[in-house]
Amino acid sequence: MLPTERPGVPPTSHGSAEYAMKTTQPPLATALTLTILGAMHSTPALAAHRCGAHSPGHCRMAAETAAAARSPAGAIAVRAAIEMIGVPYSWGGGGVRGPGYGVGRGAGIRGFDCSGLTEYAWARAGVLIGTTTYEQWRSGVRIAKEDVQPGDLVFYDSDRSSSGPEHVAVAVDATRMVHAPYTGALVRIDPLDRRTFLGIVRPSESVANVAGAKGA
């Protein structure tokens, strides 16, 4: 969701957090456990292969990426998001403490909007990634699509005329993500590969406010 989608901030014409993904209902959350566990054991050794003769800054980024990939935080985040399957979408709703009442068309609905769900999932892993899609887009290391791991943040840009992503989800595996799609829908699993796909971010402890998350 966008900065204009948070409580107390009026929406703009391009500020919709409602990502219209009209697809089938998700499988049961318990059926995903083995998929998640298996995916966490296939971690790319990025630092060893991409450093070489590159600059120190490039090497630090490669090492940080590899360290993030080895972290169990992603598994915690995706499990937390999966536990919320079936919770209603609420425009402006939810955050680090879980589902919450939204604003505007989300008023009176206790649930999550897209970035409220991802914020909650990563807070459960002890990492504060920010409230809006803009903040979350800058919360870690950019990851190639082929290197996606469970828990990575997947971003979509449905309005190329405006800057930044309009939607965010949590990767379940290489082909699926869990997200809060739009008003009237529930948190669910959908295919990750979409025409509006923008990129993937793996939250990084050096970027996100870990100490604040643990104290929340």
Protein backbone atom coordinates (compact mmCIF):
# COMPACT_ATOMS: atom_id res chain seq x y z
CA MET A 1 0.00 0.00 0.00
CA LEU A 2 1.00 3.61 -0.48
CA PRO A 3 1.81 6.32 2.08
CA THR A 4 -1.63 7.81 1.33
CA GLU A 5 -3.26 4.61 2.51
CA ARG A 6 -2.36 4.89 6.18
CA PRO A 7 -4.64 6.22 8.93
CA GLY A 8 -5.04 10.00 8.93
CA VAL A 9 -3.73 10.47 5.39
CA PRO A 10 -6.29 11.10 2.62
CA PRO A 11 -6.09 8.80 -0.42
CA THR A 12 -5.09 10.04 -3.88
CA SER A 13 -6.37 8.92 -7.28
CA HIS A 14 -3.49 6.47 -7.66
CA GLY A 15 -3.38 5.35 -4.02
CA SER A 16 -5.34 2.13 -4.18
CA ALA A 17 -3.92 -0.71 -2.15
CA GLU A 18 -6.45 -3.05 -3.69
CA TYR A 19 -4.67 -5.37 -6.08
CA ALA A 20 -7.37 -6.97 -8.21
CA MET A 21 -6.25 -10.60 -8.41
CA LYS A 22 -9.44 -12.51 -9.15
CA THR A 23 -8.15 -16.06 -8.84
CA THR A 24 -9.10 -19.29 -7.11
CA GLN A 25 -9.11 -19.80 -3.37
CA PRO A 26 -5.83 -20.90 -1.72
CA PRO A 27 -4.92 -24.41 -0.60
CA LEU A 28 -5.03 -25.14 3.13
CA ALA A 29 -2.21 -23.46 5.04
CA THR A 30 -1.08 -26.73 6.57
CA ALA A 31 -0.40 -28.16 3.12
CA LEU A 32 2.38 -25.59 2.62
CA THR A 33 4.59 -26.60 5.53
CA LEU A 34 6.79 -29.12 3.70
CA THR A 35 7.13 -26.79 0.70
CA ILE A 36 8.43 -23.99 2.91
CA LEU A 37 10.83 -26.20 4.83
CA GLY A 38 12.22 -27.75 1.65
CA ALA A 39 12.75 -24.39 -0.03
CA MET A 40 14.73 -23.07 2.93
CA HIS A 41 17.38 -25.75 2.38
CA SER A 42 18.21 -24.61 -1.19
CA THR A 43 20.18 -21.41 -0.45
CA PRO A 44 22.39 -19.84 -3.14
CA ALA A 45 25.99 -19.10 -2.11
CA LEU A 46 25.92 -15.63 -3.64
CA ALA A 47 28.88 -14.07 -1.87
CA ALA A 48 31.33 -16.75 -2.95
CA HIS A 49 30.38 -16.51 -6.61
CA ARG A 50 29.71 -12.80 -7.14
CA CYS A 51 32.48 -11.05 -5.22
CA GLY A 52 35.63 -11.85 -7.18
CA ALA A 53 37.36 -8.71 -8.44
CA HIS A 54 34.39 -6.42 -7.84
CA SER A 55 34.46 -3.34 -5.63
CA PRO A 56 34.33 -3.64 -1.81
CA GLY A 57 30.80 -2.23 -1.89
CA HIS A 58 29.70 -4.94 -4.30
CA CYS A 59 31.30 -7.59 -2.09
CA ARG A 60 29.55 -6.30 1.01
CA MET A 61 26.22 -6.41 -0.81
CA ALA A 62 26.88 -9.98 -2.00
CA ALA A 63 27.86 -11.11 1.50
CA GLU A 64 24.81 -9.43 3.00
CA THR A 65 22.58 -11.15 0.45
CA ALA A 66 24.05 -14.56 1.23
CA ALA A 67 23.71 -13.97 4.98
CA ALA A 68 20.10 -12.91 4.57
CA ALA A 69 19.37 -16.02 2.50
CA ARG A 70 20.74 -18.24 5.28
CA SER A 71 18.58 -16.56 7.92
CA PRO A 72 15.54 -18.42 9.30
CA ALA A 73 13.70 -15.09 9.49
CA GLY A 74 12.09 -15.60 6.08
CA ALA A 75 10.58 -18.91 7.16
CA ILE A 76 9.15 -17.26 10.28
CA ALA A 77 7.71 -14.40 8.22
CA VAL A 78 5.99 -16.61 5.65
CA ARG A 79 4.54 -18.86 8.32
CA ALA A 80 3.17 -15.82 10.14
CA ALA A 81 1.55 -14.59 6.91
CA ILE A 82 0.09 -18.03 6.16
CA GLU A 83 -1.46 -18.12 9.63
CA MET A 84 -3.48 -15.05 8.59
CA ILE A 85 -5.12 -16.77 5.58
CA GLY A 86 -8.84 -16.08 5.78
CA VAL A 87 -8.49 -12.70 7.54
CA PRO A 88 -10.41 -9.95 5.67
CA TYR A 89 -8.75 -7.25 3.60
CA SER A 90 -9.06 -3.89 5.36
CA TRP A 91 -7.87 -0.72 3.63
CA GLY A 92 -5.29 0.86 5.97
CA GLY A 93 -5.66 -2.01 8.46
CA GLY A 94 -3.18 -4.14 10.36
CA GLY A 95 0.45 -3.76 11.34
CA VAL A 96 3.11 -5.12 13.64
CA ARG A 97 0.59 -6.25 16.27
CA GLY A 98 -1.66 -8.10 13.83
CA PRO A 99 -5.05 -7.37 12.26
CA GLY A 100 -6.55 -3.97 12.91
CA TYR A 101 -9.37 -1.69 11.82
CA GLY A 102 -8.72 0.28 8.67
CA VAL A 103 -9.84 3.69 7.43
CA GLY A 104 -12.08 4.89 4.62
CA ARG A 105 -13.54 1.81 2.95
CA GLY A 106 -11.66 -0.25 5.54
CA ALA A 107 -13.40 1.38 8.49
CA GLY A 108 -15.29 -1.20 10.49
CA ILE A 109 -13.27 -4.08 9.01
CA ARG A 110 -10.66 -5.72 11.20
CA GLY A 111 -7.95 -7.15 9.00
CA PHE A 112 -4.95 -6.24 6.83
CA ASP A 113 -4.16 -4.32 3.72
CA CYS A 114 -1.21 -5.54 1.63
CA SER A 115 1.63 -3.83 3.47
CA GLY A 116 -0.06 -4.27 6.85
CA LEU A 117 0.18 -8.03 6.36
CA THR A 118 3.83 -7.96 5.28
CA GLU A 119 4.71 -5.59 8.13
CA TYR A 120 3.12 -8.00 10.61
CA ALA A 121 4.79 -11.08 9.10
CA TRP A 122 8.29 -9.65 9.32
CA ALA A 123 7.67 -8.16 12.77
CA ARG A 124 6.98 -11.73 13.92
CA ALA A 125 10.48 -12.53 12.64
CA GLY A 126 11.89 -9.64 14.71
CA VAL A 127 12.35 -7.16 11.85
CA LEU A 128 10.57 -3.84 11.29
CA ILE A 129 10.29 -3.22 7.55
CA GLY A 130 8.15 -0.07 7.62
CA THR A 131 4.47 0.61 7.10
CA THR A 132 4.06 1.47 3.40
CA THR A 133 5.06 -0.29 0.19
CA TYR A 134 7.55 2.53 -0.45
CA GLU A 135 9.30 1.92 2.87
CA GLN A 136 9.26 -1.84 2.42
CA TRP A 137 10.70 -1.56 -1.10
CA ARG A 138 13.79 -0.03 0.56
CA SER A 139 13.92 -2.41 3.54
CA GLY A 140 16.60 -4.81 2.33
CA VAL A 141 18.53 -6.39 -0.51
CA ARG A 142 17.17 -6.68 -4.06
CA ILE A 143 16.92 -10.33 -5.10
CA ALA A 144 16.79 -11.84 -8.59
CA LYS A 145 13.50 -13.58 -9.31
CA GLU A 146 15.23 -16.94 -9.76
CA ASP A 147 16.74 -16.61 -6.27
CA VAL A 148 13.47 -15.97 -4.42
CA GLN A 149 13.18 -17.64 -1.02
CA PRO A 150 10.21 -18.08 1.34
CA GLY A 151 9.50 -14.83 3.17
CA ASP A 152 10.94 -12.51 0.54
CA LEU A 153 8.82 -9.45 -0.23
CA VAL A 154 7.36 -9.49 -3.75
CA PHE A 155 6.36 -6.13 -5.24
CA TYR A 156 3.97 -5.20 -8.03
CA ASP A 157 3.58 -1.92 -9.89
CA SER A 158 0.10 -1.61 -11.37
CA ASP A 159 0.49 2.10 -12.16
CA ARG A 160 3.71 2.79 -14.07
CA SER A 161 2.85 6.50 -14.26
CA SER A 162 3.54 6.87 -10.52
CA SER A 163 6.74 6.10 -8.65
CA GLY A 164 7.08 3.06 -6.46
CA PRO A 165 5.15 -0.20 -6.06
CA GLU A 166 1.42 -0.30 -5.38
CA HIS A 167 1.26 -3.80 -3.94
CA VAL A 168 3.40 -6.15 -1.82
CA ALA A 169 3.15 -9.82 -0.89
CA VAL A 170 5.18 -12.49 0.93
CA ALA A 171 6.74 -15.22 -1.21
CA VAL A 172 5.73 -18.76 -0.22
CA ASP A 173 8.05 -20.40 -2.76
CA ALA A 174 9.24 -19.76 -6.32
CA THR A 175 5.72 -19.70 -7.76
CA ARG A 176 3.31 -18.59 -5.01
CA MET A 177 2.80 -15.70 -2.65
CA VAL A 178 0.48 -14.93 0.26
CA HIS A 179 -1.12 -11.48 0.30
CA ALA A 180 -4.08 -9.28 1.20
CA PRO A 181 -5.50 -8.49 -2.25
CA TYR A 182 -8.46 -6.06 -2.18
CA THR A 183 -11.62 -5.01 -0.33
CA GLY A 184 -14.08 -7.88 -0.11
CA ALA A 185 -11.36 -10.53 -0.37
CA LEU A 186 -9.50 -12.49 2.29
CA VAL A 187 -5.77 -13.04 2.84
CA ARG A 188 -4.93 -15.88 0.47
CA ILE A 189 -2.37 -17.66 -1.72
CA ASP A 190 -2.03 -16.60 -5.38
CA PRO A 191 0.50 -17.16 -8.19
CA LEU A 192 3.59 -15.01 -7.80
CA ASP A 193 4.16 -14.43 -11.52
CA ARG A 194 2.03 -11.45 -12.62
CA ARG A 195 2.22 -8.98 -15.49
CA THR A 196 2.75 -6.13 -13.02
CA PHE A 197 5.68 -7.83 -11.22
CA LEU A 198 8.27 -5.22 -10.19
CA GLY A 199 10.88 -6.93 -8.02
CA ILE A 200 11.82 -8.83 -4.88
CA VAL A 201 13.40 -7.59 -1.66
CA ARG A 202 14.85 -9.69 1.14
CA PRO A 203 14.62 -7.63 4.38
CA SER A 204 18.06 -6.97 5.84
CA GLU A 205 18.96 -6.47 9.49
CA SER A 206 21.37 -3.69 8.47
CA VAL A 207 18.49 -1.76 6.87
CA ALA A 208 15.46 -2.65 8.97
CA ASN A 209 14.96 -1.58 12.59
CA VAL A 210 15.48 -4.91 14.31
CA ALA A 211 15.81 -3.49 17.82
CA GLY A 212 12.55 -1.61 17.42
CA ALA A 213 10.75 -4.69 16.14
CA LYS A 214 11.86 -6.79 19.10
CA GLY A 215 10.64 -4.13 21.48
CA ALA A 216 7.27 -3.71 19.78
